[in-house]
Amino acid sequence: MLVSLTKPGPFTPEAPSLGDSGIRIDGRLAAMAGERMRQPGCSELSGVCTHPDFRGVARLLSVLVAGRIAARGEVAYLHAYDSNAAAIGVYESIGFRLRNRMNMAMLQRAK
């Protein structure tokens, strides 16, 4: 699974139901992106993943999903780990800018 390979962040098996944009090349899922959290007037561009063999297509999908959000009159936003310089570079190249830094904690339900 592309998510296992690229580790875009917190991602559950249900996450693919939140987005619908993907690119297949020679039958392989090369990249995907979608939308997740929504607030009035805003929507999160989320789950952006690109297989290492197809690096250029993440930008294309990010532009596509962000454009779809803008076409609805909403503001697109996203999150990225500080350590993911490649992704941050892609997002900045299409007009996203750092708005705020935040801390994140991932919790798991006790068994």
PDB file of N, CA and C in Angstrom:
ATOM      1  N   MET A   1       0.837  -1.182   0.000  1.00  0.00           N
ATOM      2  CA  MET A   1       0.000   0.000   0.000  1.00  0.00           C
ATOM      3  C   MET A   1       0.881   1.244   0.000  1.00  0.00           C
ATOM      4  N   LEU A   2       0.516   2.216  -0.798  1.00  0.00           N
ATOM      5  CA  LEU A   2       1.304   3.438  -0.936  1.00  0.00           C
ATOM      6  C   LEU A   2       1.505   4.140   0.405  1.00  0.00           C
ATOM      7  N   VAL A   3       0.502   4.135   1.246  1.00  0.00           N
ATOM      8  CA  VAL A   3       0.595   4.783   2.553  1.00  0.00           C
ATOM      9  C   VAL A   3       1.671   4.131   3.412  1.00  0.00           C
ATOM     10  N   SER A   4       1.752   2.813   3.388  1.00  0.00           N
ATOM     11  CA  SER A   4       2.776   2.104   4.171  1.00  0.00           C
ATOM     12  C   SER A   4       4.172   2.486   3.720  1.00  0.00           C
ATOM     13  N   LEU A   5       4.327   2.699   2.432  1.00  0.00           N
ATOM     14  CA  LEU A   5       5.627   3.045   1.870  1.00  0.00           C
ATOM     15  C   LEU A   5       6.032   4.480   2.192  1.00  0.00           C
ATOM     16  N   THR A   6       5.075   5.410   2.105  1.00  0.00           N
ATOM     17  CA  THR A   6       5.406   6.831   2.207  1.00  0.00           C
ATOM     18  C   THR A   6       5.161   7.447   3.573  1.00  0.00           C
ATOM     19  N   LYS A   7       4.322   6.836   4.405  1.00  0.00           N
ATOM     20  CA  LYS A   7       4.032   7.299   5.763  1.00  0.00           C
ATOM     21  C   LYS A   7       3.703   8.795   5.818  1.00  0.00           C
ATOM     22  N   PRO A   8       2.584   9.202   5.217  1.00  0.00           N
ATOM     23  CA  PRO A   8       2.244  10.628   5.181  1.00  0.00           C
ATOM     24  C   PRO A   8       1.780  11.198   6.511  1.00  0.00           C
ATOM     25  N   GLY A   9       1.591  10.377   7.507  1.00  0.00           N
ATOM     26  CA  GLY A   9       1.120  10.862   8.808  1.00  0.00           C
ATOM     27  C   GLY A   9       0.014   9.965   9.300  1.00  0.00           C
ATOM     28  N   PRO A  10      -0.726  10.421  10.283  1.00  0.00           N
ATOM     29  CA  PRO A  10      -1.806   9.582  10.806  1.00  0.00           C
ATOM     30  C   PRO A  10      -2.757   9.176   9.689  1.00  0.00           C
ATOM     31  N   PHE A  11      -2.911   7.906   9.488  1.00  0.00           N
ATOM     32  CA  PHE A  11      -3.682   7.405   8.353  1.00  0.00           C
ATOM     33  C   PHE A  11      -4.279   6.073   8.761  1.00  0.00           C
ATOM     34  N   THR A  12      -5.576   5.940   8.689  1.00  0.00           N
ATOM     35  CA  THR A  12      -6.244   4.702   9.069  1.00  0.00           C
ATOM     36  C   THR A  12      -6.752   3.988   7.820  1.00  0.00           C
ATOM     37  N   PRO A  13      -7.153   2.736   7.940  1.00  0.00           N
ATOM     38  CA  PRO A  13      -7.692   2.023   6.777  1.00  0.00           C
ATOM     39  C   PRO A  13      -8.933   2.703   6.182  1.00  0.00           C
ATOM     40  N   GLU A  14      -9.650   3.488   6.981  1.00  0.00           N
ATOM     41  CA  GLU A  14     -10.842   4.178   6.484  1.00  0.00           C
ATOM     42  C   GLU A  14     -10.503   5.448   5.703  1.00  0.00           C
ATOM     43  N   ALA A  15      -9.301   5.924   5.806  1.00  0.00           N
ATOM     44  CA  ALA A  15      -8.915   7.194   5.194  1.00  0.00           C
ATOM     45  C   ALA A  15      -9.163   7.279   3.690  1.00  0.00           C
ATOM     46  N   PRO A  16      -8.954   6.223   2.904  1.00  0.00           N
ATOM     47  CA  PRO A  16      -9.200   6.357   1.457  1.00  0.00           C
ATOM     48  C   PRO A  16     -10.624   6.792   1.115  1.00  0.00           C
ATOM     49  N   SER A  17     -11.569   6.571   2.003  1.00  0.00           N
ATOM     50  CA  SER A  17     -12.948   6.996   1.725  1.00  0.00           C
ATOM     51  C   SER A  17     -13.095   8.506   1.790  1.00  0.00           C
ATOM     52  N   LEU A  18     -12.066   9.210   2.288  1.00  0.00           N
ATOM     53  CA  LEU A  18     -12.149  10.661   2.429  1.00  0.00           C
ATOM     54  C   LEU A  18     -11.719  11.401   1.171  1.00  0.00           C
ATOM     55  N   GLY A  19     -11.051  10.732   0.272  1.00  0.00           N
ATOM     56  CA  GLY A  19     -10.566  11.403  -0.920  1.00  0.00           C
ATOM     57  C   GLY A  19     -10.787  10.557  -2.146  1.00  0.00           C
ATOM     58  N   ASP A  20     -10.653  11.190  -3.292  1.00  0.00           N
ATOM     59  CA  ASP A  20     -10.962  10.452  -4.515  1.00  0.00           C
ATOM     60  C   ASP A  20     -10.007  10.751  -5.645  1.00  0.00           C
ATOM     61  N   SER A  21      -8.829  11.283  -5.357  1.00  0.00           N
ATOM     62  CA  SER A  21      -7.901  11.639  -6.425  1.00  0.00           C
ATOM     63  C   SER A  21      -6.673  10.758  -6.371  1.00  0.00           C
ATOM     64  N   GLY A  22      -6.399  10.097  -7.469  1.00  0.00           N
ATOM     65  CA  GLY A  22      -5.223   9.259  -7.549  1.00  0.00           C
ATOM     66  C   GLY A  22      -4.754   9.162  -8.984  1.00  0.00           C
ATOM     67  N   ILE A  23      -3.504   8.839  -9.142  1.00  0.00           N
ATOM     68  CA  ILE A  23      -2.927   8.658 -10.474  1.00  0.00           C
ATOM     69  C   ILE A  23      -2.284   7.284 -10.522  1.00  0.00           C
ATOM     70  N   ARG A  24      -2.662   6.511 -11.500  1.00  0.00           N
ATOM     71  CA  ARG A  24      -2.050   5.200 -11.736  1.00  0.00           C
ATOM     72  C   ARG A  24      -1.174   5.300 -12.983  1.00  0.00           C
ATOM     73  N   ILE A  25      -0.012   4.710 -12.883  1.00  0.00           N
ATOM     74  CA  ILE A  25       0.913   4.655 -14.014  1.00  0.00           C
ATOM     75  C   ILE A  25       1.288   3.193 -14.198  1.00  0.00           C
ATOM     76  N   ASP A  26       1.037   2.673 -15.376  1.00  0.00           N
ATOM     77  CA  ASP A  26       1.287   1.255 -15.667  1.00  0.00           C
ATOM     78  C   ASP A  26       0.631   0.348 -14.629  1.00  0.00           C
ATOM     79  N   GLY A  27      -0.584   0.708 -14.216  1.00  0.00           N
ATOM     80  CA  GLY A  27      -1.341  -0.105 -13.283  1.00  0.00           C
ATOM     81  C   GLY A  27      -0.961   0.055 -11.825  1.00  0.00           C
ATOM     82  N   ARG A  28       0.050   0.849 -11.539  1.00  0.00           N
ATOM     83  CA  ARG A  28       0.502   1.064 -10.158  1.00  0.00           C
ATOM     84  C   ARG A  28      -0.018   2.395  -9.648  1.00  0.00           C
ATOM     85  N   LEU A  29      -0.423   2.432  -8.371  1.00  0.00           N
ATOM     86  CA  LEU A  29      -0.824   3.695  -7.770  1.00  0.00           C
ATOM     87  C   LEU A  29       0.430   4.531  -7.575  1.00  0.00           C
ATOM     88  N   ALA A  30       0.553   5.606  -8.345  1.00  0.00           N
ATOM     89  CA  ALA A  30       1.738   6.450  -8.306  1.00  0.00           C
ATOM     90  C   ALA A  30       1.611   7.556  -7.266  1.00  0.00           C
ATOM     91  N   ALA A  31       0.383   8.075  -7.099  1.00  0.00           N
ATOM     92  CA  ALA A  31       0.174   9.168  -6.142  1.00  0.00           C
ATOM     93  C   ALA A  31      -1.299   9.249  -5.796  1.00  0.00           C
ATOM     94  N   MET A  32      -1.560   9.849  -4.633  1.00  0.00           N
ATOM     95  CA  MET A  32      -2.945  10.078  -4.233  1.00  0.00           C
ATOM     96  C   MET A  32      -3.008  11.320  -3.352  1.00  0.00           C
ATOM     97  N   ALA A  33      -4.188  11.896  -3.271  1.00  0.00           N
ATOM     98  CA  ALA A  33      -4.448  13.044  -2.408  1.00  0.00           C
ATOM     99  C   ALA A  33      -5.948  13.137  -2.211  1.00  0.00           C
ATOM    100  N   GLY A  34      -6.353  13.766  -1.147  1.00  0.00           N
ATOM    101  CA  GLY A  34      -7.780  13.903  -0.881  1.00  0.00           C
ATOM    102  C   GLY A  34      -8.061  15.041   0.065  1.00  0.00           C
ATOM    103  N   GLU A  35      -9.243  15.018   0.624  1.00  0.00           N
ATOM    104  CA  GLU A  35      -9.663  16.011   1.605  1.00  0.00           C
ATOM    105  C   GLU A  35     -10.090  15.278   2.860  1.00  0.00           C
ATOM    106  N   ARG A  36      -9.845  15.889   4.003  1.00  0.00           N
ATOM    107  CA  ARG A  36     -10.209  15.237   5.248  1.00  0.00           C
ATOM    108  C   ARG A  36     -11.041  16.179   6.106  1.00  0.00           C
ATOM    109  N   MET A  37     -10.418  16.953   6.946  1.00  0.00           N
ATOM    110  CA  MET A  37     -11.167  17.797   7.872  1.00  0.00           C
ATOM    111  C   MET A  37     -11.782  18.988   7.147  1.00  0.00           C
ATOM    112  N   ARG A  38     -12.992  19.317   7.557  1.00  0.00           N
ATOM    113  CA  ARG A  38     -13.677  20.476   6.972  1.00  0.00           C
ATOM    114  C   ARG A  38     -14.274  21.331   8.074  1.00  0.00           C
ATOM    115  N   GLN A  39     -14.093  22.616   7.933  1.00  0.00           N
ATOM    116  CA  GLN A  39     -14.718  23.610   8.782  1.00  0.00           C
ATOM    117  C   GLN A  39     -15.407  24.598   7.849  1.00  0.00           C
ATOM    118  N   PRO A  40     -16.330  25.395   8.353  1.00  0.00           N
ATOM    119  CA  PRO A  40     -16.998  26.366   7.467  1.00  0.00           C
ATOM    120  C   PRO A  40     -15.969  27.231   6.721  1.00  0.00           C
ATOM    121  N   GLY A  41     -15.986  27.148   5.413  1.00  0.00           N
ATOM    122  CA  GLY A  41     -15.104  27.951   4.574  1.00  0.00           C
ATOM    123  C   GLY A  41     -13.715  27.390   4.353  1.00  0.00           C
ATOM    124  N   CYS A  42     -13.406  26.237   4.929  1.00  0.00           N
ATOM    125  CA  CYS A  42     -12.062  25.658   4.818  1.00  0.00           C
ATOM    126  C   CYS A  42     -12.136  24.155   4.610  1.00  0.00           C
ATOM    127  N   SER A  43     -11.145  23.611   3.934  1.00  0.00           N
ATOM    128  CA  SER A  43     -11.048  22.162   3.760  1.00  0.00           C
ATOM    129  C   SER A  43      -9.575  21.775   3.719  1.00  0.00           C
ATOM    130  N   GLU A  44      -9.253  20.670   4.378  1.00  0.00           N
ATOM    131  CA  GLU A  44      -7.870  20.205   4.461  1.00  0.00           C
ATOM    132  C   GLU A  44      -7.491  19.342   3.262  1.00  0.00           C
ATOM    133  N   LEU A  45      -6.419  19.706   2.596  1.00  0.00           N
ATOM    134  CA  LEU A  45      -5.773  18.868   1.587  1.00  0.00           C
ATOM    135  C   LEU A  45      -4.979  17.830   2.374  1.00  0.00           C
ATOM    136  N   SER A  46      -5.268  16.553   2.164  1.00  0.00           N
ATOM    137  CA  SER A  46      -4.735  15.536   3.065  1.00  0.00           C
ATOM    138  C   SER A  46      -4.358  14.257   2.321  1.00  0.00           C
ATOM    139  N   GLY A  47      -3.559  13.449   2.983  1.00  0.00           N
ATOM    140  CA  GLY A  47      -3.211  12.134   2.448  1.00  0.00           C
ATOM    141  C   GLY A  47      -2.399  12.179   1.178  1.00  0.00           C
ATOM    142  N   VAL A  48      -1.635  13.240   0.998  1.00  0.00           N
ATOM    143  CA  VAL A  48      -0.825  13.360  -0.218  1.00  0.00           C
ATOM    144  C   VAL A  48       0.347  12.378  -0.117  1.00  0.00           C
ATOM    145  N   CYS A  49       0.388  11.441  -1.037  1.00  0.00           N
ATOM    146  CA  CYS A  49       1.450  10.421  -1.078  1.00  0.00           C
ATOM    147  C   CYS A  49       1.911  10.255  -2.513  1.00  0.00           C
ATOM    148  N   THR A  50       3.201  10.058  -2.690  1.00  0.00           N
ATOM    149  CA  THR A  50       3.743   9.769  -4.012  1.00  0.00           C
ATOM    150  C   THR A  50       4.740   8.634  -3.909  1.00  0.00           C
ATOM    151  N   HIS A  51       4.610   7.657  -4.768  1.00  0.00           N
ATOM    152  CA  HIS A  51       5.584   6.576  -4.821  1.00  0.00           C
ATOM    153  C   HIS A  51       6.929   7.171  -5.227  1.00  0.00           C
ATOM    154  N   PRO A  52       8.020   6.740  -4.613  1.00  0.00           N
ATOM    155  CA  PRO A  52       9.340   7.300  -4.954  1.00  0.00           C
ATOM    156  C   PRO A  52       9.689   7.235  -6.438  1.00  0.00           C
ATOM    157  N   ASP A  53       9.131   6.283  -7.174  1.00  0.00           N
ATOM    158  CA  ASP A  53       9.422   6.179  -8.606  1.00  0.00           C
ATOM    159  C   ASP A  53       8.719   7.255  -9.433  1.00  0.00           C
ATOM    160  N   PHE A  54       7.777   7.995  -8.828  1.00  0.00           N
ATOM    161  CA  PHE A  54       6.964   8.956  -9.581  1.00  0.00           C
ATOM    162  C   PHE A  54       6.876  10.296  -8.854  1.00  0.00           C
ATOM    163  N   ARG A  55       7.966  10.826  -8.402  1.00  0.00           N
ATOM    164  CA  ARG A  55       7.985  12.018  -7.554  1.00  0.00           C
ATOM    165  C   ARG A  55       7.205  13.226  -8.088  1.00  0.00           C
ATOM    166  N   GLY A  56       7.187  13.493  -9.342  1.00  0.00           N
ATOM    167  CA  GLY A  56       6.577  14.716  -9.867  1.00  0.00           C
ATOM    168  C   GLY A  56       5.068  14.823  -9.749  1.00  0.00           C
ATOM    169  N   VAL A  57       4.379  13.715  -9.550  1.00  0.00           N
ATOM    170  CA  VAL A  57       2.925  13.766  -9.620  1.00  0.00           C
ATOM    171  C   VAL A  57       2.240  14.272  -8.343  1.00  0.00           C
ATOM    172  N   ALA A  58       2.940  14.317  -7.209  1.00  0.00           N
ATOM    173  CA  ALA A  58       2.335  14.852  -5.982  1.00  0.00           C
ATOM    174  C   ALA A  58       1.938  16.315  -6.177  1.00  0.00           C
ATOM    175  N   ARG A  59       2.782  17.051  -6.860  1.00  0.00           N
ATOM    176  CA  ARG A  59       2.485  18.463  -7.113  1.00  0.00           C
ATOM    177  C   ARG A  59       1.210  18.590  -7.943  1.00  0.00           C
ATOM    178  N   LEU A  60       1.096  17.803  -8.979  1.00  0.00           N
ATOM    179  CA  LEU A  60      -0.074  17.827  -9.846  1.00  0.00           C
ATOM    180  C   LEU A  60      -1.354  17.539  -9.056  1.00  0.00           C
ATOM    181  N   LEU A  61      -1.339  16.500  -8.245  1.00  0.00           N
ATOM    182  CA  LEU A  61      -2.528  16.161  -7.463  1.00  0.00           C
ATOM    183  C   LEU A  61      -2.837  17.212  -6.405  1.00  0.00           C
ATOM    184  N   SER A  62      -1.816  17.775  -5.788  1.00  0.00           N
ATOM    185  CA  SER A  62      -2.037  18.822  -4.796  1.00  0.00           C
ATOM    186  C   SER A  62      -2.703  20.039  -5.433  1.00  0.00           C
ATOM    187  N   VAL A  63      -2.241  20.406  -6.611  1.00  0.00           N
ATOM    188  CA  VAL A  63      -2.863  21.520  -7.345  1.00  0.00           C
ATOM    189  C   VAL A  63      -4.315  21.181  -7.692  1.00  0.00           C
ATOM    190  N   LEU A  64      -4.564  19.963  -8.132  1.00  0.00           N
ATOM    191  CA  LEU A  64      -5.914  19.535  -8.493  1.00  0.00           C
ATOM    192  C   LEU A  64      -6.871  19.624  -7.301  1.00  0.00           C
ATOM    193  N   VAL A  65      -6.480  19.035  -6.177  1.00  0.00           N
ATOM    194  CA  VAL A  65      -7.364  19.025  -5.007  1.00  0.00           C
ATOM    195  C   VAL A  65      -7.517  20.436  -4.435  1.00  0.00           C
ATOM    196  N   ALA A  66      -6.434  21.196  -4.336  1.00  0.00           N
ATOM    197  CA  ALA A  66      -6.529  22.572  -3.834  1.00  0.00           C
ATOM    198  C   ALA A  66      -7.413  23.422  -4.755  1.00  0.00           C
ATOM    199  N   GLY A  67      -7.333  23.193  -6.058  1.00  0.00           N
ATOM    200  CA  GLY A  67      -8.179  23.915  -7.006  1.00  0.00           C
ATOM    201  C   GLY A  67      -9.644  23.565  -6.852  1.00  0.00           C
ATOM    202  N   ARG A  68      -9.911  22.311  -6.571  1.00  0.00           N
ATOM    203  CA  ARG A  68     -11.292  21.881  -6.338  1.00  0.00           C
ATOM    204  C   ARG A  68     -11.857  22.541  -5.075  1.00  0.00           C
ATOM    205  N   ILE A  69     -11.031  22.654  -4.056  1.00  0.00           N
ATOM    206  CA  ILE A  69     -11.442  23.322  -2.815  1.00  0.00           C
ATOM    207  C   ILE A  69     -11.712  24.804  -3.101  1.00  0.00           C
ATOM    208  N   ALA A  70     -10.812  25.452  -3.807  1.00  0.00           N
ATOM    209  CA  ALA A  70     -10.975  26.872  -4.135  1.00  0.00           C
ATOM    210  C   ALA A  70     -12.208  27.117  -4.995  1.00  0.00           C
ATOM    211  N   ALA A  71     -12.498  26.193  -5.908  1.00  0.00           N
ATOM    212  CA  ALA A  71     -13.664  26.347  -6.786  1.00  0.00           C
ATOM    213  C   ALA A  71     -14.974  26.350  -5.992  1.00  0.00           C
ATOM    214  N   ARG A  72     -14.956  25.755  -4.811  1.00  0.00           N
ATOM    215  CA  ARG A  72     -16.140  25.779  -3.943  1.00  0.00           C
ATOM    216  C   ARG A  72     -16.180  27.041  -3.090  1.00  0.00           C
ATOM    217  N   GLY A  73     -15.182  27.905  -3.266  1.00  0.00           N
ATOM    218  CA  GLY A  73     -15.120  29.138  -2.484  1.00  0.00           C
ATOM    219  C   GLY A  73     -14.528  28.930  -1.098  1.00  0.00           C
ATOM    220  N   GLU A  74     -13.826  27.810  -0.911  1.00  0.00           N
ATOM    221  CA  GLU A  74     -13.224  27.510   0.384  1.00  0.00           C
ATOM    222  C   GLU A  74     -11.714  27.741   0.334  1.00  0.00           C
ATOM    223  N   VAL A  75     -11.108  27.832   1.517  1.00  0.00           N
ATOM    224  CA  VAL A  75      -9.666  27.972   1.648  1.00  0.00           C
ATOM    225  C   VAL A  75      -9.077  26.591   1.908  1.00  0.00           C
ATOM    226  N   ALA A  76      -8.080  26.226   1.120  1.00  0.00           N
ATOM    227  CA  ALA A  76      -7.385  24.948   1.320  1.00  0.00           C
ATOM    228  C   ALA A  76      -6.268  25.141   2.337  1.00  0.00           C
ATOM    229  N   TYR A  77      -6.119  24.160   3.213  1.00  0.00           N
ATOM    230  CA  TYR A  77      -5.001  24.165   4.152  1.00  0.00           C
ATOM    231  C   TYR A  77      -4.480  22.740   4.271  1.00  0.00           C
ATOM    232  N   LEU A  78      -3.320  22.587   4.869  1.00  0.00           N
ATOM    233  CA  LEU A  78      -2.740  21.261   5.046  1.00  0.00           C
ATOM    234  C   LEU A  78      -1.793  21.257   6.220  1.00  0.00           C
ATOM    235  N   HIS A  79      -1.362  20.068   6.574  1.00  0.00           N
ATOM    236  CA  HIS A  79      -0.368  19.874   7.626  1.00  0.00           C
ATOM    237  C   HIS A  79       0.798  19.094   7.032  1.00  0.00           C
ATOM    238  N   ALA A  80       2.001  19.373   7.521  1.00  0.00           N
ATOM    239  CA  ALA A  80       3.173  18.598   7.109  1.00  0.00           C
ATOM    240  C   ALA A  80       4.132  18.529   8.284  1.00  0.00           C
ATOM    241  N   TYR A  81       4.794  17.394   8.421  1.00  0.00           N
ATOM    242  CA  TYR A  81       5.828  17.282   9.445  1.00  0.00           C
ATOM    243  C   TYR A  81       6.986  18.195   9.099  1.00  0.00           C
ATOM    244  N   ASP A  82       7.580  18.865  10.108  1.00  0.00           N
ATOM    245  CA  ASP A  82       8.752  19.719   9.894  1.00  0.00           C
ATOM    246  C   ASP A  82       9.863  18.992   9.155  1.00  0.00           C
ATOM    247  N   SER A  83       9.990  17.710   9.420  1.00  0.00           N
ATOM    248  CA  SER A  83      11.083  16.931   8.844  1.00  0.00           C
ATOM    249  C   SER A  83      10.856  16.582   7.363  1.00  0.00           C
ATOM    250  N   ASN A  84       9.679  16.845   6.844  1.00  0.00           N
ATOM    251  CA  ASN A  84       9.363  16.477   5.461  1.00  0.00           C
ATOM    252  C   ASN A  84       9.628  17.659   4.517  1.00  0.00           C
ATOM    253  N   ALA A  85      10.896  17.973   4.363  1.00  0.00           N
ATOM    254  CA  ALA A  85      11.297  19.131   3.553  1.00  0.00           C
ATOM    255  C   ALA A  85      10.835  19.015   2.101  1.00  0.00           C
ATOM    256  N   ALA A  86      10.862  17.810   1.545  1.00  0.00           N
ATOM    257  CA  ALA A  86      10.441  17.637   0.147  1.00  0.00           C
ATOM    258  C   ALA A  86       8.977  18.028  -0.027  1.00  0.00           C
ATOM    259  N   ALA A  87       8.119  17.559   0.862  1.00  0.00           N
ATOM    260  CA  ALA A  87       6.690  17.897   0.770  1.00  0.00           C
ATOM    261  C   ALA A  87       6.473  19.391   0.988  1.00  0.00           C
ATOM    262  N   ILE A  88       7.139  19.945   1.972  1.00  0.00           N
ATOM    263  CA  ILE A  88       6.988  21.378   2.243  1.00  0.00           C
ATOM    264  C   ILE A  88       7.405  22.185   1.017  1.00  0.00           C
ATOM    265  N   GLY A  89       8.472  21.770   0.349  1.00  0.00           N
ATOM    266  CA  GLY A  89       8.906  22.456  -0.874  1.00  0.00           C
ATOM    267  C   GLY A  89       7.847  22.401  -1.964  1.00  0.00           C
ATOM    268  N   VAL A  90       7.207  21.245  -2.126  1.00  0.00           N
ATOM    269  CA  VAL A  90       6.124  21.118  -3.116  1.00  0.00           C
ATOM    270  C   VAL A  90       4.987  22.060  -2.750  1.00  0.00           C
ATOM    271  N   TYR A  91       4.565  22.035  -1.488  1.00  0.00           N
ATOM    272  CA  TYR A  91       3.433  22.876  -1.069  1.00  0.00           C
ATOM    273  C   TYR A  91       3.747  24.360  -1.238  1.00  0.00           C
ATOM    274  N   GLU A  92       4.963  24.763  -0.882  1.00  0.00           N
ATOM    275  CA  GLU A  92       5.338  26.173  -1.060  1.00  0.00           C
ATOM    276  C   GLU A  92       5.371  26.555  -2.539  1.00  0.00           C
ATOM    277  N   SER A  93       5.766  25.624  -3.399  1.00  0.00           N
ATOM    278  CA  SER A  93       5.856  25.927  -4.833  1.00  0.00           C
ATOM    279  C   SER A  93       4.484  26.166  -5.463  1.00  0.00           C
ATOM    280  N   ILE A  94       3.421  25.707  -4.801  1.00  0.00           N
ATOM    281  CA  ILE A  94       2.075  25.942  -5.351  1.00  0.00           C
ATOM    282  C   ILE A  94       1.304  26.996  -4.551  1.00  0.00           C
ATOM    283  N   GLY A  95       2.011  27.710  -3.676  1.00  0.00           N
ATOM    284  CA  GLY A  95       1.394  28.852  -3.012  1.00  0.00           C
ATOM    285  C   GLY A  95       1.059  28.710  -1.541  1.00  0.00           C
ATOM    286  N   PHE A  96       1.254  27.536  -0.957  1.00  0.00           N
ATOM    287  CA  PHE A  96       1.009  27.404   0.476  1.00  0.00           C
ATOM    288  C   PHE A  96       2.146  28.055   1.246  1.00  0.00           C
ATOM    289  N   ARG A  97       1.814  28.638   2.387  1.00  0.00           N
ATOM    290  CA  ARG A  97       2.805  29.274   3.255  1.00  0.00           C
ATOM    291  C   ARG A  97       2.589  28.800   4.684  1.00  0.00           C
ATOM    292  N   LEU A  98       3.677  28.762   5.456  1.00  0.00           N
ATOM    293  CA  LEU A  98       3.594  28.379   6.854  1.00  0.00           C
ATOM    294  C   LEU A  98       2.741  29.387   7.604  1.00  0.00           C
ATOM    295  N   ARG A  99       1.735  28.909   8.254  1.00  0.00           N
ATOM    296  CA  ARG A  99       0.861  29.773   9.052  1.00  0.00           C
ATOM    297  C   ARG A  99       1.156  29.614  10.526  1.00  0.00           C
ATOM    298  N   ASN A 100       1.418  28.388  10.943  1.00  0.00           N
ATOM    299  CA  ASN A 100       1.628  28.141  12.357  1.00  0.00           C
ATOM    300  C   ASN A 100       2.354  26.814  12.546  1.00  0.00           C
ATOM    301  N   ARG A 101       3.131  26.730  13.579  1.00  0.00           N
ATOM    302  CA  ARG A 101       3.744  25.461  13.975  1.00  0.00           C
ATOM    303  C   ARG A 101       2.899  24.891  15.110  1.00  0.00           C
ATOM    304  N   MET A 102       2.793  23.574  15.153  1.00  0.00           N
ATOM    305  CA  MET A 102       2.006  22.966  16.210  1.00  0.00           C
ATOM    306  C   MET A 102       2.652  21.668  16.662  1.00  0.00           C
ATOM    307  N   ASN A 103       2.316  21.266  17.846  1.00  0.00           N
ATOM    308  CA  ASN A 103       2.763  19.973  18.364  1.00  0.00           C
ATOM    309  C   ASN A 103       1.634  18.980  18.157  1.00  0.00           C
ATOM    310  N   MET A 104       2.005  17.736  17.941  1.00  0.00           N
ATOM    311  CA  MET A 104       0.999  16.703  17.705  1.00  0.00           C
ATOM    312  C   MET A 104       1.350  15.495  18.566  1.00  0.00           C
ATOM    313  N   ALA A 105       0.325  14.899  19.107  1.00  0.00           N
ATOM    314  CA  ALA A 105       0.491  13.650  19.856  1.00  0.00           C
ATOM    315  C   ALA A 105      -0.431  12.610  19.230  1.00  0.00           C
ATOM    316  N   MET A 106       0.091  11.409  19.015  1.00  0.00           N
ATOM    317  CA  MET A 106      -0.731  10.330  18.499  1.00  0.00           C
ATOM    318  C   MET A 106      -1.037   9.378  19.641  1.00  0.00           C
ATOM    319  N   LEU A 107      -2.296   9.115  19.843  1.00  0.00           N
ATOM    320  CA  LEU A 107      -2.735   8.246  20.917  1.00  0.00           C
ATOM    321  C   LEU A 107      -3.304   6.964  20.343  1.00  0.00           C
ATOM    322  N   GLN A 108      -3.210   5.911  21.116  1.00  0.00           N
ATOM    323  CA  GLN A 108      -3.787   4.632  20.709  1.00  0.00           C
ATOM    324  C   GLN A 108      -4.671   4.143  21.844  1.00  0.00           C
ATOM    325  N   ARG A 109      -5.832   3.650  21.474  1.00  0.00           N
ATOM    326  CA  ARG A 109      -6.776   3.130  22.456  1.00  0.00           C
ATOM    327  C   ARG A 109      -6.159   1.940  23.180  1.00  0.00           C
ATOM    328  N   ALA A 110      -6.292   1.923  24.517  1.00  0.00           N
ATOM    329  CA  ALA A 110      -5.796   0.796  25.312  1.00  0.00           C
ATOM    330  C   ALA A 110      -6.566  -0.458  24.958  1.00  0.00           C
ATOM    331  N   LYS A 111      -5.909  -1.575  24.936  1.00  0.00           N
ATOM    332  CA  LYS A 111      -6.571  -2.836  24.575  1.00  0.00           C
ATOM    333  C   LYS A 111      -7.167  -3.506  25.756  1.00  0.00           C
TER     334      LYS A 111
END
